[in-house]
Amino acid sequence: MAEKEMRNFALRDKDGNEIGVFTGKQPRQAALKAANRGHKDIRLRERGTKKVHVFTGERKQVTKPKGAPVWMPDKIWKPVVKKVGIEYLDKPETEAKKVVVVKRRK
């Protein structure tokens, strides 16, 4: 079975501006990375497509696992995300309009 390739997901703010890029084999993996950096409303546009994956996320502080190495602190941050849905982007209006300039001779 072929191994899945890494995909790029652009993090969008509420205005639609892309403020960061996270990678992962699945959108959830990229959303976990965004949540671990403190983002709560996570909207990831999959590069090369018009899909926007929408998640809600948070960070929780939990005790370290039993088999953790000695150097790990007693409390660690754990990201939690929940998928809300998928949105699709429309074509930008600037692509649809073409301006034709006609020069006339006198």
N, C-alpha and C. Protein backbone atom coordinates (compact mmCIF):
# COMPACT_ATOMS: atom_id res chain seq x y z
N MET A 1 0.84 -1.18 0.00
CA MET A 1 0.00 0.00 0.00
C MET A 1 0.87 1.23 0.00
N ALA A 2 0.54 2.20 -0.82
CA ALA A 2 1.33 3.42 -0.94
C ALA A 2 1.15 4.29 0.29
N GLU A 3 2.25 4.91 0.71
CA GLU A 3 2.19 5.79 1.87
C GLU A 3 1.64 7.16 1.45
N LYS A 4 0.79 7.75 2.30
CA LYS A 4 0.21 9.05 1.97
C LYS A 4 1.27 10.14 2.04
N GLU A 5 1.14 11.11 1.15
CA GLU A 5 2.08 12.21 1.10
C GLU A 5 1.64 13.32 2.06
N MET A 6 2.59 14.12 2.46
CA MET A 6 2.30 15.28 3.31
C MET A 6 1.61 16.34 2.45
N ARG A 7 0.61 17.00 3.05
CA ARG A 7 -0.12 18.06 2.36
C ARG A 7 0.05 19.35 3.15
N ASN A 8 -0.07 20.46 2.45
CA ASN A 8 0.04 21.78 3.08
C ASN A 8 -1.34 22.38 3.28
N PHE A 9 -1.54 22.98 4.45
CA PHE A 9 -2.79 23.62 4.79
C PHE A 9 -2.49 25.04 5.27
N ALA A 10 -3.12 26.02 4.66
CA ALA A 10 -2.91 27.42 5.02
C ALA A 10 -3.93 27.82 6.08
N LEU A 11 -3.47 28.35 7.19
CA LEU A 11 -4.34 28.81 8.27
C LEU A 11 -4.89 30.18 7.90
N ARG A 12 -6.22 30.33 7.95
CA ARG A 12 -6.88 31.59 7.59
C ARG A 12 -7.48 32.22 8.84
N ASP A 13 -7.41 33.55 8.91
CA ASP A 13 -8.06 34.26 10.01
C ASP A 13 -9.51 34.56 9.63
N LYS A 14 -10.22 35.26 10.51
CA LYS A 14 -11.65 35.50 10.27
C LYS A 14 -11.91 36.39 9.05
N ASP A 15 -10.90 37.18 8.62
CA ASP A 15 -11.04 38.03 7.44
C ASP A 15 -10.68 37.31 6.14
N GLY A 16 -10.18 36.08 6.24
CA GLY A 16 -9.80 35.32 5.05
C GLY A 16 -8.35 35.45 4.69
N ASN A 17 -7.55 36.17 5.49
CA ASN A 17 -6.12 36.30 5.22
C ASN A 17 -5.40 35.04 5.69
N GLU A 18 -4.44 34.59 4.91
CA GLU A 18 -3.68 33.41 5.29
C GLU A 18 -2.52 33.83 6.17
N ILE A 19 -2.49 33.31 7.40
CA ILE A 19 -1.52 33.77 8.39
C ILE A 19 -0.47 32.72 8.75
N GLY A 20 -0.57 31.52 8.19
CA GLY A 20 0.41 30.50 8.49
C GLY A 20 0.15 29.26 7.66
N VAL A 21 1.14 28.35 7.64
CA VAL A 21 1.01 27.10 6.90
C VAL A 21 1.38 25.95 7.83
N PHE A 22 0.53 24.94 7.86
CA PHE A 22 0.79 23.75 8.66
C PHE A 22 0.73 22.55 7.73
N THR A 23 1.56 21.54 7.98
CA THR A 23 1.60 20.37 7.13
C THR A 23 1.10 19.16 7.90
N GLY A 24 0.58 18.19 7.16
CA GLY A 24 0.13 16.95 7.75
C GLY A 24 -0.42 16.04 6.67
N LYS A 25 -0.54 14.77 6.98
CA LYS A 25 -1.11 13.83 6.02
C LYS A 25 -2.62 13.98 5.96
N GLN A 26 -3.22 14.43 7.05
CA GLN A 26 -4.66 14.65 7.13
C GLN A 26 -4.89 16.07 7.67
N PRO A 27 -6.06 16.67 7.40
CA PRO A 27 -6.34 18.02 7.92
C PRO A 27 -6.32 18.07 9.45
N ARG A 28 -6.74 16.99 10.09
CA ARG A 28 -6.77 16.97 11.56
C ARG A 28 -5.36 17.10 12.15
N GLN A 29 -4.39 16.48 11.51
CA GLN A 29 -3.02 16.56 11.99
C GLN A 29 -2.51 18.01 11.94
N ALA A 30 -2.83 18.72 10.86
CA ALA A 30 -2.44 20.13 10.75
C ALA A 30 -3.21 20.97 11.76
N ALA A 31 -4.48 20.63 12.01
CA ALA A 31 -5.29 21.37 12.98
C ALA A 31 -4.75 21.19 14.40
N LEU A 32 -4.27 20.00 14.72
CA LEU A 32 -3.67 19.77 16.04
C LEU A 32 -2.42 20.64 16.23
N LYS A 33 -1.64 20.79 15.18
CA LYS A 33 -0.45 21.65 15.26
C LYS A 33 -0.85 23.11 15.48
N ALA A 34 -1.91 23.55 14.79
CA ALA A 34 -2.38 24.93 14.95
C ALA A 34 -2.94 25.15 16.36
N ALA A 35 -3.69 24.17 16.87
CA ALA A 35 -4.26 24.29 18.22
C ALA A 35 -3.16 24.31 19.27
N ASN A 36 -2.10 23.57 19.04
CA ASN A 36 -1.00 23.54 20.00
C ASN A 36 -0.28 24.88 20.07
N ARG A 37 -0.42 25.70 19.05
CA ARG A 37 0.18 27.04 19.06
C ARG A 37 -0.81 28.09 19.55
N GLY A 38 -1.99 27.66 20.03
CA GLY A 38 -2.92 28.57 20.67
C GLY A 38 -4.07 29.07 19.83
N HIS A 39 -4.25 28.57 18.61
CA HIS A 39 -5.38 29.00 17.77
C HIS A 39 -6.64 28.27 18.19
N LYS A 40 -7.76 29.00 18.29
CA LYS A 40 -9.02 28.40 18.72
C LYS A 40 -9.98 28.18 17.55
N ASP A 41 -10.17 29.18 16.70
CA ASP A 41 -11.00 29.06 15.51
C ASP A 41 -10.06 28.73 14.36
N ILE A 42 -10.03 27.48 13.95
CA ILE A 42 -9.05 27.00 12.97
C ILE A 42 -9.75 26.76 11.64
N ARG A 43 -9.32 27.52 10.63
CA ARG A 43 -9.85 27.37 9.27
C ARG A 43 -8.64 27.09 8.38
N LEU A 44 -8.54 25.87 7.87
CA LEU A 44 -7.39 25.45 7.08
C LEU A 44 -7.81 25.26 5.62
N ARG A 45 -7.18 26.05 4.73
CA ARG A 45 -7.42 25.88 3.29
C ARG A 45 -6.40 24.90 2.76
N GLU A 46 -6.89 23.84 2.14
CA GLU A 46 -5.99 22.85 1.57
C GLU A 46 -5.37 23.42 0.31
N ARG A 47 -4.05 23.47 0.26
CA ARG A 47 -3.36 24.05 -0.88
C ARG A 47 -3.63 23.24 -2.13
N GLY A 48 -3.95 23.93 -3.22
CA GLY A 48 -4.23 23.28 -4.49
C GLY A 48 -5.69 22.93 -4.69
N THR A 49 -6.53 23.19 -3.68
CA THR A 49 -7.96 22.92 -3.79
C THR A 49 -8.72 24.14 -3.29
N LYS A 50 -10.04 24.08 -3.35
CA LYS A 50 -10.87 25.16 -2.84
C LYS A 50 -11.57 24.76 -1.56
N LYS A 51 -11.05 23.73 -0.87
CA LYS A 51 -11.64 23.26 0.37
C LYS A 51 -11.07 24.04 1.56
N VAL A 52 -11.95 24.39 2.49
CA VAL A 52 -11.54 24.99 3.75
C VAL A 52 -12.08 24.10 4.85
N HIS A 53 -11.16 23.44 5.59
CA HIS A 53 -11.54 22.57 6.69
C HIS A 53 -11.68 23.43 7.95
N VAL A 54 -12.83 23.35 8.62
CA VAL A 54 -13.12 24.20 9.77
C VAL A 54 -13.09 23.34 11.04
N PHE A 55 -12.28 23.78 12.01
CA PHE A 55 -12.14 23.09 13.29
C PHE A 55 -12.30 24.09 14.43
N THR A 56 -12.65 23.57 15.61
CA THR A 56 -12.52 24.34 16.85
C THR A 56 -11.43 23.64 17.65
N GLY A 57 -10.60 24.42 18.31
CA GLY A 57 -9.48 23.82 19.01
C GLY A 57 -9.17 24.51 20.31
N GLU A 58 -8.42 23.81 21.14
CA GLU A 58 -7.96 24.37 22.41
C GLU A 58 -6.74 23.58 22.88
N ARG A 59 -6.10 24.12 23.89
CA ARG A 59 -4.97 23.45 24.53
C ARG A 59 -5.35 23.15 25.98
N LYS A 60 -5.06 21.94 26.42
CA LYS A 60 -5.31 21.58 27.81
C LYS A 60 -4.00 21.17 28.44
N GLN A 61 -3.84 21.55 29.70
CA GLN A 61 -2.63 21.16 30.42
C GLN A 61 -2.94 19.89 31.19
N VAL A 62 -2.19 18.82 30.90
CA VAL A 62 -2.42 17.53 31.53
C VAL A 62 -1.11 17.03 32.14
N THR A 63 -1.22 16.02 32.99
CA THR A 63 -0.01 15.42 33.57
C THR A 63 0.68 14.57 32.52
N LYS A 64 1.99 14.43 32.67
CA LYS A 64 2.74 13.69 31.66
C LYS A 64 2.39 12.21 31.71
N PRO A 65 2.53 11.48 30.58
CA PRO A 65 2.20 10.05 30.57
C PRO A 65 3.18 9.24 31.43
N LYS A 66 2.79 8.03 31.77
CA LYS A 66 3.61 7.20 32.67
C LYS A 66 4.96 6.84 32.08
N GLY A 67 5.04 6.56 30.80
CA GLY A 67 6.30 6.15 30.19
C GLY A 67 7.13 7.31 29.66
N ALA A 68 6.87 8.52 30.13
CA ALA A 68 7.55 9.72 29.62
C ALA A 68 9.00 9.75 30.09
N PRO A 69 9.89 10.38 29.30
CA PRO A 69 11.28 10.50 29.72
C PRO A 69 11.42 11.40 30.94
N VAL A 70 12.55 11.31 31.61
CA VAL A 70 12.79 12.05 32.85
C VAL A 70 12.82 13.55 32.60
N TRP A 71 13.35 13.98 31.45
CA TRP A 71 13.50 15.41 31.18
C TRP A 71 12.17 16.12 30.94
N MET A 72 11.08 15.36 30.68
CA MET A 72 9.77 15.97 30.39
C MET A 72 9.18 16.56 31.67
N PRO A 73 8.61 17.77 31.59
CA PRO A 73 8.02 18.37 32.80
C PRO A 73 6.79 17.59 33.27
N ASP A 74 6.36 17.83 34.52
CA ASP A 74 5.22 17.11 35.09
C ASP A 74 3.91 17.45 34.39
N LYS A 75 3.76 18.68 33.91
CA LYS A 75 2.56 19.10 33.19
C LYS A 75 2.94 19.42 31.75
N ILE A 76 2.15 18.91 30.78
CA ILE A 76 2.40 19.19 29.37
C ILE A 76 1.11 19.71 28.73
N TRP A 77 1.25 20.40 27.59
CA TRP A 77 0.09 20.90 26.84
C TRP A 77 -0.34 19.85 25.83
N LYS A 78 -1.65 19.59 25.80
CA LYS A 78 -2.21 18.63 24.85
C LYS A 78 -3.26 19.33 24.00
N PRO A 79 -3.11 19.33 22.66
CA PRO A 79 -4.11 19.97 21.80
C PRO A 79 -5.34 19.07 21.61
N VAL A 80 -6.50 19.71 21.53
CA VAL A 80 -7.76 19.00 21.28
C VAL A 80 -8.50 19.76 20.18
N VAL A 81 -8.92 19.05 19.12
CA VAL A 81 -9.66 19.69 18.03
C VAL A 81 -10.93 18.90 17.74
N LYS A 82 -11.91 19.61 17.21
CA LYS A 82 -13.16 18.98 16.76
C LYS A 82 -13.51 19.57 15.41
N LYS A 83 -13.78 18.71 14.43
CA LYS A 83 -14.09 19.19 13.09
C LYS A 83 -15.54 19.68 13.04
N VAL A 84 -15.73 20.89 12.53
CA VAL A 84 -17.04 21.49 12.39
C VAL A 84 -17.61 21.18 11.01
N GLY A 85 -16.76 21.23 9.98
CA GLY A 85 -17.22 20.94 8.63
C GLY A 85 -16.23 21.38 7.58
N ILE A 86 -16.68 21.35 6.33
CA ILE A 86 -15.87 21.77 5.19
C ILE A 86 -16.64 22.84 4.44
N GLU A 87 -15.94 23.90 4.05
CA GLU A 87 -16.52 24.95 3.21
C GLU A 87 -15.76 24.95 1.89
N TYR A 88 -16.41 25.46 0.86
CA TYR A 88 -15.78 25.55 -0.45
C TYR A 88 -15.70 27.00 -0.88
N LEU A 89 -14.54 27.39 -1.39
CA LEU A 89 -14.34 28.77 -1.84
C LEU A 89 -14.89 28.93 -3.25
N ASP A 90 -15.46 30.10 -3.52
CA ASP A 90 -15.92 30.43 -4.87
C ASP A 90 -14.74 31.00 -5.65
N LYS A 91 -14.93 31.11 -6.97
CA LYS A 91 -13.90 31.73 -7.79
C LYS A 91 -13.80 33.21 -7.44
N PRO A 92 -12.61 33.74 -7.36
CA PRO A 92 -12.48 35.18 -7.13
C PRO A 92 -13.05 35.96 -8.32
N GLU A 93 -13.66 37.09 -8.04
CA GLU A 93 -14.29 37.89 -9.10
C GLU A 93 -13.26 38.47 -10.06
N THR A 94 -12.04 38.68 -9.61
CA THR A 94 -11.03 39.28 -10.47
C THR A 94 -10.65 38.36 -11.62
N GLU A 95 -10.77 37.04 -11.42
CA GLU A 95 -10.45 36.11 -12.50
C GLU A 95 -11.53 36.12 -13.57
N ALA A 96 -12.75 36.32 -13.18
CA ALA A 96 -13.87 36.24 -14.13
C ALA A 96 -13.92 37.45 -15.06
N LYS A 97 -13.48 38.61 -14.61
CA LYS A 97 -13.57 39.82 -15.42
C LYS A 97 -12.27 40.02 -16.20
N LYS A 98 -12.42 40.32 -17.48
CA LYS A 98 -11.27 40.65 -18.31
C LYS A 98 -11.51 42.01 -18.93
N VAL A 99 -10.49 42.82 -18.95
CA VAL A 99 -10.60 44.14 -19.54
C VAL A 99 -9.88 44.12 -20.88
N VAL A 100 -10.60 44.51 -21.92
CA VAL A 100 -10.01 44.55 -23.26
C VAL A 100 -9.88 46.01 -23.66
N VAL A 101 -8.67 46.40 -24.02
CA VAL A 101 -8.41 47.78 -24.44
C VAL A 101 -8.24 47.78 -25.96
N VAL A 102 -9.04 48.60 -26.63
CA VAL A 102 -8.98 48.70 -28.08
C VAL A 102 -8.44 50.08 -28.44
N LYS A 103 -7.35 50.09 -29.19
CA LYS A 103 -6.77 51.36 -29.62
C LYS A 103 -7.28 51.67 -31.03
N ARG A 104 -7.78 52.88 -31.20
CA ARG A 104 -8.29 53.28 -32.52
C ARG A 104 -7.33 54.26 -33.16
N ARG A 105 -7.18 54.13 -34.45
CA ARG A 105 -6.31 55.04 -35.19
C ARG A 105 -7.13 56.20 -35.69
N LYS A 106 -6.56 57.36 -35.72
CA LYS A 106 -7.26 58.56 -36.21
C LYS A 106 -6.95 58.82 -37.65
